[in-house]
Amino acid sequence: MMDMLKEGGVYSLPRVLCFEIVHAWLITTALSMILDKHFYCYGEFTAATVACIGYLIGNKFINSKYNTPLGSVGKPL
């Protein structure tokens, strides 16, 4: 599971940060629903989370299309 945060065998700072933002958003959303409380900047927080998810998807697409040899299934384990 933690290998998805690595790029070339080294932890990637943008991937780790995006992972933590998405993780924090999930916890905040769950607590908001459970405790029935309103988070003041929830819209901005959600927008940042969507941007992080978009970055991760875009990064995966670019790595798959341009950084992986044609016919290969991905990086070797």
C-alpha atoms as a PDB file:
ATOM      1  CA  MET A   1       0.000   0.000   0.000  1.00  0.00           C
ATOM      2  CA  MET A   2       2.771   2.449   0.873  1.00  0.00           C
ATOM      3  CA  ASP A   3       4.513   1.732  -2.449  1.00  0.00           C
ATOM      4  CA  MET A   4       1.876   3.797  -4.223  1.00  0.00           C
ATOM      5  CA  LEU A   5       3.408   6.870  -2.554  1.00  0.00           C
ATOM      6  CA  LYS A   6       6.812   6.114  -4.085  1.00  0.00           C
ATOM      7  CA  GLU A   7       8.136   7.135  -7.456  1.00  0.00           C
ATOM      8  CA  GLY A   8      11.282   5.393  -8.588  1.00  0.00           C
ATOM      9  CA  GLY A   9      11.660   3.704  -5.195  1.00  0.00           C
ATOM     10  CA  VAL A  10      11.675   7.023  -3.285  1.00  0.00           C
ATOM     11  CA  TYR A  11       8.761   8.674  -1.513  1.00  0.00           C
ATOM     12  CA  SER A  12       7.314  11.449  -3.644  1.00  0.00           C
ATOM     13  CA  LEU A  13       6.468  14.608  -1.660  1.00  0.00           C
ATOM     14  CA  PRO A  14       3.482  15.625  -3.852  1.00  0.00           C
ATOM     15  CA  ARG A  15       2.000  12.133  -3.608  1.00  0.00           C
ATOM     16  CA  VAL A  16       2.427  12.025   0.168  1.00  0.00           C
ATOM     17  CA  LEU A  17       0.907  15.500   0.590  1.00  0.00           C
ATOM     18  CA  CYS A  18      -2.052  14.704  -1.656  1.00  0.00           C
ATOM     19  CA  PHE A  19      -2.608  11.426   0.158  1.00  0.00           C
ATOM     20  CA  GLU A  20      -2.647  13.241   3.508  1.00  0.00           C
ATOM     21  CA  ILE A  21      -5.029  15.946   2.240  1.00  0.00           C
ATOM     22  CA  VAL A  22      -7.473  13.344   0.930  1.00  0.00           C
ATOM     23  CA  HIS A  23      -7.144  11.403   4.187  1.00  0.00           C
ATOM     24  CA  ALA A  24      -7.815  14.553   6.244  1.00  0.00           C
ATOM     25  CA  TRP A  25     -10.815  15.391   4.034  1.00  0.00           C
ATOM     26  CA  LEU A  26     -12.321  11.937   4.587  1.00  0.00           C
ATOM     27  CA  ILE A  27     -11.911  12.236   8.362  1.00  0.00           C
ATOM     28  CA  THR A  28     -13.301  15.793   8.406  1.00  0.00           C
ATOM     29  CA  THR A  29     -16.305  14.797   6.315  1.00  0.00           C
ATOM     30  CA  ALA A  30     -17.052  11.791   8.505  1.00  0.00           C
ATOM     31  CA  LEU A  31     -16.766  13.824  11.706  1.00  0.00           C
ATOM     32  CA  SER A  32     -18.939  16.594  10.262  1.00  0.00           C
ATOM     33  CA  MET A  33     -21.653  14.085   9.475  1.00  0.00           C
ATOM     34  CA  ILE A  34     -21.377  12.225  12.785  1.00  0.00           C
ATOM     35  CA  LEU A  35     -21.221  15.321  15.008  1.00  0.00           C
ATOM     36  CA  ASP A  36     -23.590  17.397  12.816  1.00  0.00           C
ATOM     37  CA  LYS A  37     -21.150  20.332  12.883  1.00  0.00           C
ATOM     38  CA  HIS A  38     -20.384  22.832  10.123  1.00  0.00           C
ATOM     39  CA  PHE A  39     -16.793  23.278   8.976  1.00  0.00           C
ATOM     40  CA  TYR A  40     -16.305  26.945   8.000  1.00  0.00           C
ATOM     41  CA  CYS A  41     -14.050  26.518   4.916  1.00  0.00           C
ATOM     42  CA  TYR A  42     -15.399  23.137   3.820  1.00  0.00           C
ATOM     43  CA  GLY A  43     -15.910  24.275   0.204  1.00  0.00           C
ATOM     44  CA  GLU A  44     -12.311  25.409  -0.164  1.00  0.00           C
ATOM     45  CA  PHE A  45     -11.072  22.260   1.561  1.00  0.00           C
ATOM     46  CA  THR A  46     -13.120  20.120  -0.831  1.00  0.00           C
ATOM     47  CA  ALA A  47     -11.778  22.069  -3.831  1.00  0.00           C
ATOM     48  CA  ALA A  48      -8.200  21.442  -2.663  1.00  0.00           C
ATOM     49  CA  THR A  49      -9.004  17.763  -2.238  1.00  0.00           C
ATOM     50  CA  VAL A  50     -10.443  17.536  -5.761  1.00  0.00           C
ATOM     51  CA  ALA A  51      -7.337  19.299  -7.103  1.00  0.00           C
ATOM     52  CA  CYS A  52      -5.141  16.729  -5.349  1.00  0.00           C
ATOM     53  CA  ILE A  53      -7.148  13.856  -6.787  1.00  0.00           C
ATOM     54  CA  GLY A  54      -6.894  15.462 -10.239  1.00  0.00           C
ATOM     55  CA  TYR A  55      -3.130  15.802  -9.807  1.00  0.00           C
ATOM     56  CA  LEU A  56      -2.764  12.132  -8.845  1.00  0.00           C
ATOM     57  CA  ILE A  57      -4.881  10.975 -11.809  1.00  0.00           C
ATOM     58  CA  GLY A  58      -2.986  13.245 -14.207  1.00  0.00           C
ATOM     59  CA  ASN A  59       0.358  12.092 -12.845  1.00  0.00           C
ATOM     60  CA  LYS A  60      -0.666   8.447 -13.269  1.00  0.00           C
ATOM     61  CA  PHE A  61      -1.802   9.100 -16.849  1.00  0.00           C
ATOM     62  CA  ILE A  62       1.436  10.884 -17.780  1.00  0.00           C
ATOM     63  CA  ASN A  63       3.582   8.167 -16.186  1.00  0.00           C
ATOM     64  CA  SER A  64       1.579   5.429 -17.916  1.00  0.00           C
ATOM     65  CA  LYS A  65       1.578   7.083 -21.342  1.00  0.00           C
ATOM     66  CA  TYR A  66       5.012   8.673 -21.563  1.00  0.00           C
ATOM     67  CA  ASN A  67       7.263   7.046 -18.948  1.00  0.00           C
ATOM     68  CA  THR A  68       6.373   3.372 -19.463  1.00  0.00           C
ATOM     69  CA  PRO A  69       7.707   1.454 -22.478  1.00  0.00           C
ATOM     70  CA  LEU A  70       5.061   0.413 -25.019  1.00  0.00           C
ATOM     71  CA  GLY A  71       3.659  -3.037 -24.203  1.00  0.00           C
ATOM     72  CA  SER A  72       4.974  -2.998 -20.650  1.00  0.00           C
ATOM     73  CA  VAL A  73       2.610  -3.366 -17.703  1.00  0.00           C
ATOM     74  CA  GLY A  74       4.392  -0.785 -15.545  1.00  0.00           C
ATOM     75  CA  LYS A  75       7.375  -0.450 -13.298  1.00  0.00           C
ATOM     76  CA  PRO A  76       9.008  -3.686 -12.153  1.00  0.00           C
ATOM     77  CA  LEU A  77       8.501  -4.724  -8.543  1.00  0.00           C
END
